[in-house]
Amino acid sequence: MIVLVGFMGAGKTTVGRLLAAKLGLPFTDSDQVIEDRAGRPIQQIFADDGEPAFRALEHEVIAGLLAGPDTVLALGGGAAEHPATRALLASVPVVYLRVGYAEAMKRVGGDRGRPMLARPDVAQVYERRQAVYAGVATLAVDTDGRAPDDIALAILQRYPHPTRP
């Protein structure tokens, strides 16, 4: 089990897929599981039910995934802000994919499916979350200007055969 955290655009899905392939593990994106279970996109869950309801569902999904079979798990950008989710992350290797704000916006700026981009305080959210990611991480890897394969290899050097601590 390896969990990837970081702001949107950090490369969690791209690096996660590469890492999973190299480790012979499945890749799971918690946002995709949430959408599959809810039967609607995250953007619609936010609009219809609000962020608190989304975060509660997100925590429930992540708790189930962490209790299940080993996987490379990419979490949504805000998942680690939930106190109960942070507590669960203390028992698994967590890699913080660190991306600069300008780079993150360059990577995801045109994606209308990201509710975060509609917020006027997105830069402040980015700043606040940096400490959250660092606080749950057992490894931090910078992603700006690096190829996804290089990032995956850097993670593998630290966790060649990840296990639960």
N, C-alpha and C. Protein backbone atom coordinates (compact mmCIF):
# COMPACT_ATOMS: atom_id res chain seq x y z
N MET A 1 0.85 -1.18 0.00
CA MET A 1 0.00 0.00 0.00
C MET A 1 0.89 1.24 0.00
N ILE A 2 0.68 2.09 -0.97
CA ILE A 2 1.30 3.41 -0.99
C ILE A 2 0.18 4.40 -1.29
N VAL A 3 0.13 5.50 -0.53
CA VAL A 3 -0.87 6.53 -0.73
C VAL A 3 -0.16 7.78 -1.26
N LEU A 4 -0.74 8.38 -2.28
CA LEU A 4 -0.20 9.60 -2.87
C LEU A 4 -1.11 10.77 -2.51
N VAL A 5 -0.51 11.84 -1.98
CA VAL A 5 -1.25 13.06 -1.66
C VAL A 5 -0.57 14.22 -2.36
N GLY A 6 -1.32 15.31 -2.49
CA GLY A 6 -0.79 16.51 -3.10
C GLY A 6 -1.91 17.32 -3.71
N PHE A 7 -1.59 18.54 -4.07
CA PHE A 7 -2.58 19.44 -4.65
C PHE A 7 -2.95 18.97 -6.05
N MET A 8 -4.09 19.43 -6.54
CA MET A 8 -4.48 19.08 -7.91
C MET A 8 -3.35 19.48 -8.85
N GLY A 9 -3.10 18.63 -9.83
CA GLY A 9 -2.04 18.90 -10.78
C GLY A 9 -0.67 18.41 -10.35
N ALA A 10 -0.58 17.79 -9.18
CA ALA A 10 0.72 17.31 -8.69
C ALA A 10 1.18 16.07 -9.45
N GLY A 11 0.24 15.35 -10.08
CA GLY A 11 0.59 14.15 -10.82
C GLY A 11 0.22 12.86 -10.11
N LYS A 12 -0.69 12.94 -9.16
CA LYS A 12 -1.04 11.75 -8.37
C LYS A 12 -1.54 10.60 -9.24
N THR A 13 -2.40 10.89 -10.19
CA THR A 13 -2.94 9.82 -11.04
C THR A 13 -1.88 9.31 -12.01
N THR A 14 -1.18 10.20 -12.67
CA THR A 14 -0.16 9.79 -13.64
C THR A 14 0.95 9.00 -12.97
N VAL A 15 1.51 9.54 -11.90
CA VAL A 15 2.59 8.86 -11.19
C VAL A 15 2.07 7.60 -10.53
N GLY A 16 0.86 7.66 -9.99
CA GLY A 16 0.27 6.50 -9.34
C GLY A 16 0.13 5.31 -10.27
N ARG A 17 -0.31 5.56 -11.49
CA ARG A 17 -0.45 4.47 -12.48
C ARG A 17 0.92 3.85 -12.80
N LEU A 18 1.92 4.69 -12.98
CA LEU A 18 3.28 4.19 -13.27
C LEU A 18 3.83 3.39 -12.10
N LEU A 19 3.65 3.91 -10.90
CA LEU A 19 4.14 3.25 -9.70
C LEU A 19 3.45 1.90 -9.51
N ALA A 20 2.16 1.87 -9.70
CA ALA A 20 1.40 0.61 -9.55
C ALA A 20 1.89 -0.43 -10.55
N ALA A 21 2.13 -0.01 -11.78
CA ALA A 21 2.61 -0.95 -12.80
C ALA A 21 3.97 -1.51 -12.42
N LYS A 22 4.84 -0.66 -11.91
CA LYS A 22 6.19 -1.11 -11.53
C LYS A 22 6.16 -2.04 -10.32
N LEU A 23 5.19 -1.85 -9.44
CA LEU A 23 5.08 -2.67 -8.22
C LEU A 23 4.20 -3.90 -8.40
N GLY A 24 3.50 -3.97 -9.54
CA GLY A 24 2.58 -5.08 -9.75
C GLY A 24 1.35 -4.99 -8.86
N LEU A 25 0.96 -3.77 -8.52
CA LEU A 25 -0.23 -3.54 -7.70
C LEU A 25 -1.29 -2.83 -8.54
N PRO A 26 -2.55 -2.93 -8.13
CA PRO A 26 -3.56 -2.13 -8.82
C PRO A 26 -3.41 -0.66 -8.45
N PHE A 27 -3.94 0.22 -9.30
CA PHE A 27 -3.99 1.64 -9.01
C PHE A 27 -5.43 2.00 -8.70
N THR A 28 -5.63 2.81 -7.66
CA THR A 28 -6.96 3.27 -7.30
C THR A 28 -6.94 4.77 -7.09
N ASP A 29 -7.90 5.45 -7.68
CA ASP A 29 -8.07 6.89 -7.49
C ASP A 29 -9.31 7.06 -6.63
N SER A 30 -9.15 7.60 -5.42
CA SER A 30 -10.30 7.71 -4.51
C SER A 30 -11.42 8.55 -5.11
N ASP A 31 -11.09 9.58 -5.89
CA ASP A 31 -12.13 10.39 -6.52
C ASP A 31 -12.97 9.55 -7.49
N GLN A 32 -12.32 8.67 -8.25
CA GLN A 32 -13.05 7.82 -9.19
C GLN A 32 -13.96 6.86 -8.45
N VAL A 33 -13.49 6.29 -7.34
CA VAL A 33 -14.32 5.38 -6.54
C VAL A 33 -15.54 6.12 -5.99
N ILE A 34 -15.33 7.35 -5.53
CA ILE A 34 -16.43 8.16 -5.01
C ILE A 34 -17.47 8.39 -6.10
N GLU A 35 -17.02 8.78 -7.28
CA GLU A 35 -17.96 9.01 -8.39
C GLU A 35 -18.71 7.75 -8.76
N ASP A 36 -17.99 6.61 -8.78
CA ASP A 36 -18.63 5.34 -9.12
C ASP A 36 -19.70 4.99 -8.10
N ARG A 37 -19.38 5.14 -6.82
CA ARG A 37 -20.34 4.79 -5.75
C ARG A 37 -21.53 5.74 -5.73
N ALA A 38 -21.26 7.04 -5.94
CA ALA A 38 -22.33 8.04 -5.87
C ALA A 38 -23.16 8.06 -7.16
N GLY A 39 -22.59 7.54 -8.24
CA GLY A 39 -23.29 7.56 -9.52
C GLY A 39 -23.38 8.94 -10.13
N ARG A 40 -22.49 9.82 -9.73
CA ARG A 40 -22.46 11.18 -10.28
C ARG A 40 -21.08 11.78 -10.06
N PRO A 41 -20.73 12.78 -10.87
CA PRO A 41 -19.41 13.38 -10.75
C PRO A 41 -19.24 14.17 -9.46
N ILE A 42 -17.99 14.32 -9.02
CA ILE A 42 -17.69 15.06 -7.80
C ILE A 42 -18.24 16.48 -7.88
N GLN A 43 -18.11 17.10 -9.03
CA GLN A 43 -18.61 18.46 -9.22
C GLN A 43 -20.10 18.53 -8.86
N GLN A 44 -20.86 17.51 -9.23
CA GLN A 44 -22.29 17.49 -8.94
C GLN A 44 -22.55 17.22 -7.45
N ILE A 45 -21.73 16.35 -6.84
CA ILE A 45 -21.87 16.09 -5.40
C ILE A 45 -21.65 17.39 -4.63
N PHE A 46 -20.61 18.14 -4.99
CA PHE A 46 -20.34 19.43 -4.35
C PHE A 46 -21.54 20.36 -4.52
N ALA A 47 -22.05 20.45 -5.75
CA ALA A 47 -23.15 21.38 -6.04
C ALA A 47 -24.44 20.98 -5.33
N ASP A 48 -24.76 19.70 -5.34
CA ASP A 48 -26.03 19.22 -4.78
C ASP A 48 -26.00 19.09 -3.26
N ASP A 49 -24.90 18.56 -2.72
CA ASP A 49 -24.86 18.19 -1.31
C ASP A 49 -23.94 19.07 -0.46
N GLY A 50 -23.03 19.80 -1.10
CA GLY A 50 -22.10 20.64 -0.37
C GLY A 50 -20.81 19.91 -0.03
N GLU A 51 -19.79 20.70 0.29
CA GLU A 51 -18.48 20.12 0.58
C GLU A 51 -18.47 19.22 1.82
N PRO A 52 -19.15 19.60 2.94
CA PRO A 52 -19.12 18.71 4.11
C PRO A 52 -19.64 17.30 3.81
N ALA A 53 -20.71 17.20 3.04
CA ALA A 53 -21.25 15.88 2.69
C ALA A 53 -20.26 15.12 1.80
N PHE A 54 -19.63 15.84 0.88
CA PHE A 54 -18.63 15.20 0.04
C PHE A 54 -17.47 14.68 0.88
N ARG A 55 -16.98 15.49 1.82
CA ARG A 55 -15.83 15.08 2.64
C ARG A 55 -16.17 13.87 3.51
N ALA A 56 -17.40 13.79 3.99
CA ALA A 56 -17.81 12.62 4.79
C ALA A 56 -17.81 11.37 3.92
N LEU A 57 -18.35 11.47 2.72
CA LEU A 57 -18.35 10.33 1.78
C LEU A 57 -16.92 9.97 1.41
N GLU A 58 -16.10 10.96 1.17
CA GLU A 58 -14.70 10.74 0.80
C GLU A 58 -13.98 9.97 1.91
N HIS A 59 -14.18 10.37 3.16
CA HIS A 59 -13.54 9.67 4.27
C HIS A 59 -13.99 8.21 4.34
N GLU A 60 -15.27 7.99 4.19
CA GLU A 60 -15.81 6.61 4.22
C GLU A 60 -15.17 5.75 3.13
N VAL A 61 -15.06 6.29 1.94
CA VAL A 61 -14.45 5.56 0.82
C VAL A 61 -12.98 5.27 1.09
N ILE A 62 -12.24 6.27 1.57
CA ILE A 62 -10.81 6.09 1.82
C ILE A 62 -10.59 5.07 2.94
N ALA A 63 -11.39 5.13 3.98
CA ALA A 63 -11.26 4.15 5.07
C ALA A 63 -11.43 2.74 4.53
N GLY A 64 -12.40 2.53 3.67
CA GLY A 64 -12.62 1.22 3.08
C GLY A 64 -11.46 0.79 2.19
N LEU A 65 -10.93 1.71 1.41
CA LEU A 65 -9.82 1.39 0.52
C LEU A 65 -8.56 1.05 1.31
N LEU A 66 -8.31 1.78 2.39
CA LEU A 66 -7.12 1.51 3.20
C LEU A 66 -7.23 0.18 3.94
N ALA A 67 -8.44 -0.26 4.21
CA ALA A 67 -8.65 -1.54 4.89
C ALA A 67 -8.64 -2.71 3.91
N GLY A 68 -8.72 -2.41 2.61
CA GLY A 68 -8.82 -3.46 1.61
C GLY A 68 -7.48 -3.96 1.14
N PRO A 69 -7.48 -4.63 0.00
CA PRO A 69 -6.22 -5.16 -0.54
C PRO A 69 -5.26 -4.04 -0.90
N ASP A 70 -3.95 -4.37 -0.89
CA ASP A 70 -2.93 -3.38 -1.21
C ASP A 70 -3.14 -2.80 -2.59
N THR A 71 -2.86 -1.52 -2.69
CA THR A 71 -3.02 -0.77 -3.93
C THR A 71 -2.12 0.45 -3.87
N VAL A 72 -1.90 1.09 -4.98
CA VAL A 72 -1.34 2.44 -5.00
C VAL A 72 -2.57 3.34 -5.06
N LEU A 73 -2.75 4.14 -4.03
CA LEU A 73 -3.97 4.92 -3.86
C LEU A 73 -3.69 6.41 -3.97
N ALA A 74 -4.31 7.06 -4.95
CA ALA A 74 -4.22 8.51 -5.10
C ALA A 74 -5.44 9.14 -4.43
N LEU A 75 -5.19 10.07 -3.50
CA LEU A 75 -6.27 10.75 -2.81
C LEU A 75 -6.58 12.08 -3.48
N GLY A 76 -7.84 12.49 -3.37
CA GLY A 76 -8.22 13.82 -3.82
C GLY A 76 -7.45 14.87 -3.06
N GLY A 77 -7.28 16.03 -3.65
CA GLY A 77 -6.44 17.08 -3.08
C GLY A 77 -6.80 17.52 -1.67
N GLY A 78 -8.08 17.45 -1.30
CA GLY A 78 -8.49 17.91 0.03
C GLY A 78 -8.68 16.80 1.03
N ALA A 79 -8.49 15.56 0.65
CA ALA A 79 -8.80 14.42 1.52
C ALA A 79 -8.02 14.45 2.83
N ALA A 80 -6.77 14.84 2.78
CA ALA A 80 -5.93 14.81 3.97
C ALA A 80 -6.30 15.89 4.98
N GLU A 81 -7.18 16.81 4.60
CA GLU A 81 -7.62 17.83 5.56
C GLU A 81 -8.62 17.27 6.57
N HIS A 82 -9.25 16.15 6.25
CA HIS A 82 -10.24 15.55 7.16
C HIS A 82 -9.48 14.89 8.31
N PRO A 83 -9.74 15.29 9.57
CA PRO A 83 -8.97 14.76 10.70
C PRO A 83 -8.99 13.23 10.81
N ALA A 84 -10.12 12.62 10.57
CA ALA A 84 -10.19 11.15 10.69
C ALA A 84 -9.42 10.48 9.55
N THR A 85 -9.39 11.09 8.39
CA THR A 85 -8.61 10.55 7.28
C THR A 85 -7.12 10.68 7.60
N ARG A 86 -6.73 11.83 8.14
CA ARG A 86 -5.32 12.00 8.54
C ARG A 86 -4.90 10.92 9.53
N ALA A 87 -5.77 10.60 10.46
CA ALA A 87 -5.45 9.56 11.45
C ALA A 87 -5.23 8.21 10.77
N LEU A 88 -6.04 7.89 9.77
CA LEU A 88 -5.88 6.63 9.05
C LEU A 88 -4.55 6.58 8.28
N LEU A 89 -4.13 7.72 7.77
CA LEU A 89 -2.92 7.78 6.96
C LEU A 89 -1.66 7.53 7.78
N ALA A 90 -1.75 7.62 9.10
CA ALA A 90 -0.58 7.41 9.96
C ALA A 90 -0.08 5.96 9.90
N SER A 91 -0.90 5.05 9.38
CA SER A 91 -0.51 3.63 9.39
C SER A 91 -0.02 3.12 8.04
N VAL A 92 0.16 4.01 7.06
CA VAL A 92 0.60 3.57 5.73
C VAL A 92 1.66 4.53 5.18
N PRO A 93 2.48 4.05 4.23
CA PRO A 93 3.42 4.98 3.57
C PRO A 93 2.64 6.01 2.75
N VAL A 94 2.95 7.28 2.96
CA VAL A 94 2.26 8.37 2.26
C VAL A 94 3.31 9.21 1.55
N VAL A 95 3.16 9.35 0.24
CA VAL A 95 4.07 10.15 -0.57
C VAL A 95 3.37 11.45 -0.94
N TYR A 96 4.01 12.55 -0.58
CA TYR A 96 3.52 13.88 -0.91
C TYR A 96 4.18 14.31 -2.21
N LEU A 97 3.39 14.41 -3.27
CA LEU A 97 3.89 14.91 -4.55
C LEU A 97 3.74 16.43 -4.51
N ARG A 98 4.86 17.10 -4.35
CA ARG A 98 4.89 18.54 -4.15
C ARG A 98 4.97 19.24 -5.50
N VAL A 99 3.99 20.10 -5.76
CA VAL A 99 3.95 20.86 -7.01
C VAL A 99 3.82 22.34 -6.66
N GLY A 100 4.53 23.18 -7.40
CA GLY A 100 4.40 24.62 -7.21
C GLY A 100 3.04 25.10 -7.69
N TYR A 101 2.57 26.20 -7.11
CA TYR A 101 1.24 26.70 -7.46
C TYR A 101 1.13 27.04 -8.94
N ALA A 102 2.11 27.73 -9.48
CA ALA A 102 2.07 28.11 -10.90
C ALA A 102 2.03 26.87 -11.79
N GLU A 103 2.82 25.86 -11.44
CA GLU A 103 2.85 24.63 -12.23
C GLU A 103 1.50 23.90 -12.13
N ALA A 104 0.93 23.85 -10.94
CA ALA A 104 -0.37 23.19 -10.76
C ALA A 104 -1.43 23.87 -11.63
N MET A 105 -1.46 25.19 -11.63
CA MET A 105 -2.45 25.92 -12.42
C MET A 105 -2.22 25.72 -13.92
N LYS A 106 -0.97 25.62 -14.31
CA LYS A 106 -0.66 25.38 -15.72
C LYS A 106 -1.19 24.00 -16.14
N ARG A 107 -1.05 23.02 -15.25
CA ARG A 107 -1.47 21.65 -15.57
C ARG A 107 -2.98 21.47 -15.59
N VAL A 108 -3.71 22.16 -14.71
CA VAL A 108 -5.15 21.89 -14.58
C VAL A 108 -6.04 23.09 -14.87
N GLY A 109 -5.47 24.20 -15.23
CA GLY A 109 -6.22 25.44 -15.38
C GLY A 109 -7.45 25.38 -16.27
N GLY A 110 -7.46 24.54 -17.28
CA GLY A 110 -8.60 24.48 -18.18
C GLY A 110 -9.59 23.38 -17.87
N ASP A 111 -9.41 22.67 -16.76
CA ASP A 111 -10.27 21.53 -16.43
C ASP A 111 -11.51 22.00 -15.67
N ARG A 112 -12.64 22.08 -16.38
CA ARG A 112 -13.88 22.56 -15.77
C ARG A 112 -14.49 21.56 -14.80
N GLY A 113 -13.99 20.34 -14.75
CA GLY A 113 -14.52 19.32 -13.86
C GLY A 113 -13.95 19.39 -12.45
N ARG A 114 -13.14 20.40 -12.18
CA ARG A 114 -12.52 20.52 -10.85
C ARG A 114 -13.21 21.66 -10.07
N PRO A 115 -14.01 21.29 -9.06
CA PRO A 115 -14.73 22.32 -8.29
C PRO A 115 -13.80 23.35 -7.65
N MET A 116 -12.60 22.93 -7.28
CA MET A 116 -11.65 23.83 -6.63
C MET A 116 -11.33 25.04 -7.49
N LEU A 117 -11.29 24.87 -8.80
CA LEU A 117 -10.91 25.97 -9.68
C LEU A 117 -11.95 27.09 -9.69
N ALA A 118 -13.18 26.78 -9.24
CA ALA A 118 -14.23 27.81 -9.19
C ALA A 118 -14.12 28.69 -7.94
N ARG A 119 -13.28 28.29 -6.99
CA ARG A 119 -13.15 29.04 -5.74
C ARG A 119 -12.27 30.27 -5.94
N PRO A 120 -12.69 31.41 -5.38
CA PRO A 120 -11.86 32.61 -5.50
C PRO A 120 -10.60 32.55 -4.63
N ASP A 121 -10.59 31.65 -3.63
CA ASP A 121 -9.47 31.56 -2.70
C ASP A 121 -8.57 30.35 -2.97
N VAL A 122 -8.49 29.91 -4.22
CA VAL A 122 -7.74 28.69 -4.53
C VAL A 122 -6.26 28.82 -4.13
N ALA A 123 -5.68 29.99 -4.26
CA ALA A 123 -4.27 30.17 -3.88
C ALA A 123 -4.10 30.00 -2.36
N GLN A 124 -5.06 30.49 -1.59
CA GLN A 124 -4.98 30.34 -0.14
C GLN A 124 -5.18 28.88 0.27
N VAL A 125 -6.07 28.18 -0.43
CA VAL A 125 -6.28 26.75 -0.16
C VAL A 125 -4.99 25.99 -0.45
N TYR A 126 -4.35 26.32 -1.56
CA TYR A 126 -3.07 25.69 -1.90
C TYR A 126 -2.07 25.88 -0.75
N GLU A 127 -1.93 27.11 -0.28
CA GLU A 127 -0.96 27.40 0.79
C GLU A 127 -1.30 26.62 2.06
N ARG A 128 -2.56 26.60 2.44
CA ARG A 128 -2.98 25.91 3.67
C ARG A 128 -2.71 24.41 3.58
N ARG A 129 -2.95 23.85 2.43
CA ARG A 129 -2.80 22.40 2.28
C ARG A 129 -1.35 21.93 2.28
N GLN A 130 -0.40 22.79 1.98
CA GLN A 130 1.00 22.36 1.93
C GLN A 130 1.43 21.77 3.27
N ALA A 131 1.05 22.42 4.37
CA ALA A 131 1.41 21.92 5.70
C ALA A 131 0.68 20.61 6.01
N VAL A 132 -0.55 20.48 5.53
CA VAL A 132 -1.32 19.24 5.75
C VAL A 132 -0.64 18.08 5.05
N TYR A 133 -0.29 18.28 3.79
CA TYR A 133 0.39 17.21 3.04
C TYR A 133 1.71 16.83 3.70
N ALA A 134 2.49 17.83 4.07
CA ALA A 134 3.79 17.56 4.70
C ALA A 134 3.60 16.82 6.02
N GLY A 135 2.52 17.13 6.72
CA GLY A 135 2.26 16.51 8.01
C GLY A 135 1.90 15.04 7.95
N VAL A 136 1.31 14.60 6.84
CA VAL A 136 0.93 13.19 6.72
C VAL A 136 1.96 12.37 5.95
N ALA A 137 2.89 13.04 5.30
CA ALA A 137 3.82 12.36 4.39
C ALA A 137 4.95 11.65 5.12
N THR A 138 5.30 10.48 4.60
CA THR A 138 6.51 9.79 5.03
C THR A 138 7.63 10.05 4.01
N LEU A 139 7.27 10.63 2.87
CA LEU A 139 8.22 10.99 1.82
C LEU A 139 7.62 12.13 1.02
N ALA A 140 8.42 13.14 0.69
CA ALA A 140 7.99 14.23 -0.18
C ALA A 140 8.87 14.23 -1.42
N VAL A 141 8.24 14.37 -2.58
CA VAL A 141 8.96 14.37 -3.85
C VAL A 141 8.50 15.58 -4.66
N ASP A 142 9.45 16.42 -5.08
CA ASP A 142 9.12 17.56 -5.93
C ASP A 142 8.79 17.07 -7.33
N THR A 143 7.76 17.66 -7.94
CA THR A 143 7.33 17.22 -9.27
C THR A 143 7.56 18.25 -10.36
N ASP A 144 7.78 19.51 -10.01
CA ASP A 144 7.95 20.54 -11.03
C ASP A 144 9.15 20.20 -11.92
N GLY A 145 8.93 20.23 -13.23
CA GLY A 145 10.01 20.03 -14.19
C GLY A 145 10.54 18.61 -14.25
N ARG A 146 9.84 17.65 -13.66
CA ARG A 146 10.30 16.25 -13.66
C ARG A 146 9.33 15.38 -14.43
N ALA A 147 9.88 14.41 -15.13
CA ALA A 147 9.05 13.45 -15.85
C ALA A 147 8.38 12.50 -14.86
N PRO A 148 7.13 12.10 -15.12
CA PRO A 148 6.43 11.18 -14.21
C PRO A 148 7.23 9.91 -13.91
N ASP A 149 7.92 9.37 -14.91
CA ASP A 149 8.71 8.16 -14.71
C ASP A 149 9.84 8.39 -13.69
N ASP A 150 10.47 9.56 -13.76
CA ASP A 150 11.53 9.89 -12.80
C ASP A 150 10.98 9.99 -11.38
N ILE A 151 9.80 10.55 -11.26
CA ILE A 151 9.16 10.68 -9.95
C ILE A 151 8.84 9.29 -9.40
N ALA A 152 8.28 8.43 -10.24
CA ALA A 152 7.95 7.07 -9.80
C ALA A 152 9.22 6.33 -9.36
N LEU A 153 10.30 6.49 -10.10
CA LEU A 153 11.55 5.83 -9.73
C LEU A 153 12.10 6.35 -8.40
N ALA A 154 11.96 7.65 -8.15
CA ALA A 154 12.40 8.22 -6.87
C ALA A 154 11.61 7.60 -5.71
N ILE A 155 10.33 7.38 -5.92
CA ILE A 155 9.50 6.76 -4.89
C ILE A 155 9.91 5.30 -4.69
N LEU A 156 10.17 4.60 -5.78
CA LEU A 156 10.57 3.19 -5.69
C LEU A 156 11.90 3.02 -4.96
N GLN A 157 12.78 4.00 -5.07
CA GLN A 157 14.05 3.91 -4.35
C GLN A 157 13.81 3.90 -2.84
N ARG A 158 12.76 4.57 -2.41
CA ARG A 158 12.44 4.62 -0.97
C ARG A 158 11.55 3.44 -0.56
N TYR A 159 10.63 3.07 -1.42
CA TYR A 159 9.66 2.00 -1.12
C TYR A 159 9.69 0.93 -2.20
N PRO A 160 10.76 0.16 -2.31
CA PRO A 160 10.81 -0.85 -3.38
C PRO A 160 9.75 -1.96 -3.19
N HIS A 161 9.43 -2.26 -1.95
CA HIS A 161 8.40 -3.27 -1.64
C HIS A 161 7.58 -2.72 -0.48
N PRO A 162 6.64 -1.82 -0.77
CA PRO A 162 5.90 -1.17 0.31
C PRO A 162 5.07 -2.16 1.12
N THR A 163 5.05 -1.94 2.40
CA THR A 163 4.23 -2.76 3.29
C THR A 163 3.59 -1.83 4.30
N ARG A 164 2.66 -2.36 5.01
CA ARG A 164 2.04 -1.57 6.08
C ARG A 164 3.01 -1.54 7.24
N PRO A 165 3.24 -0.35 7.82
CA PRO A 165 4.19 -0.26 8.95
C PRO A 165 3.70 -1.04 10.16
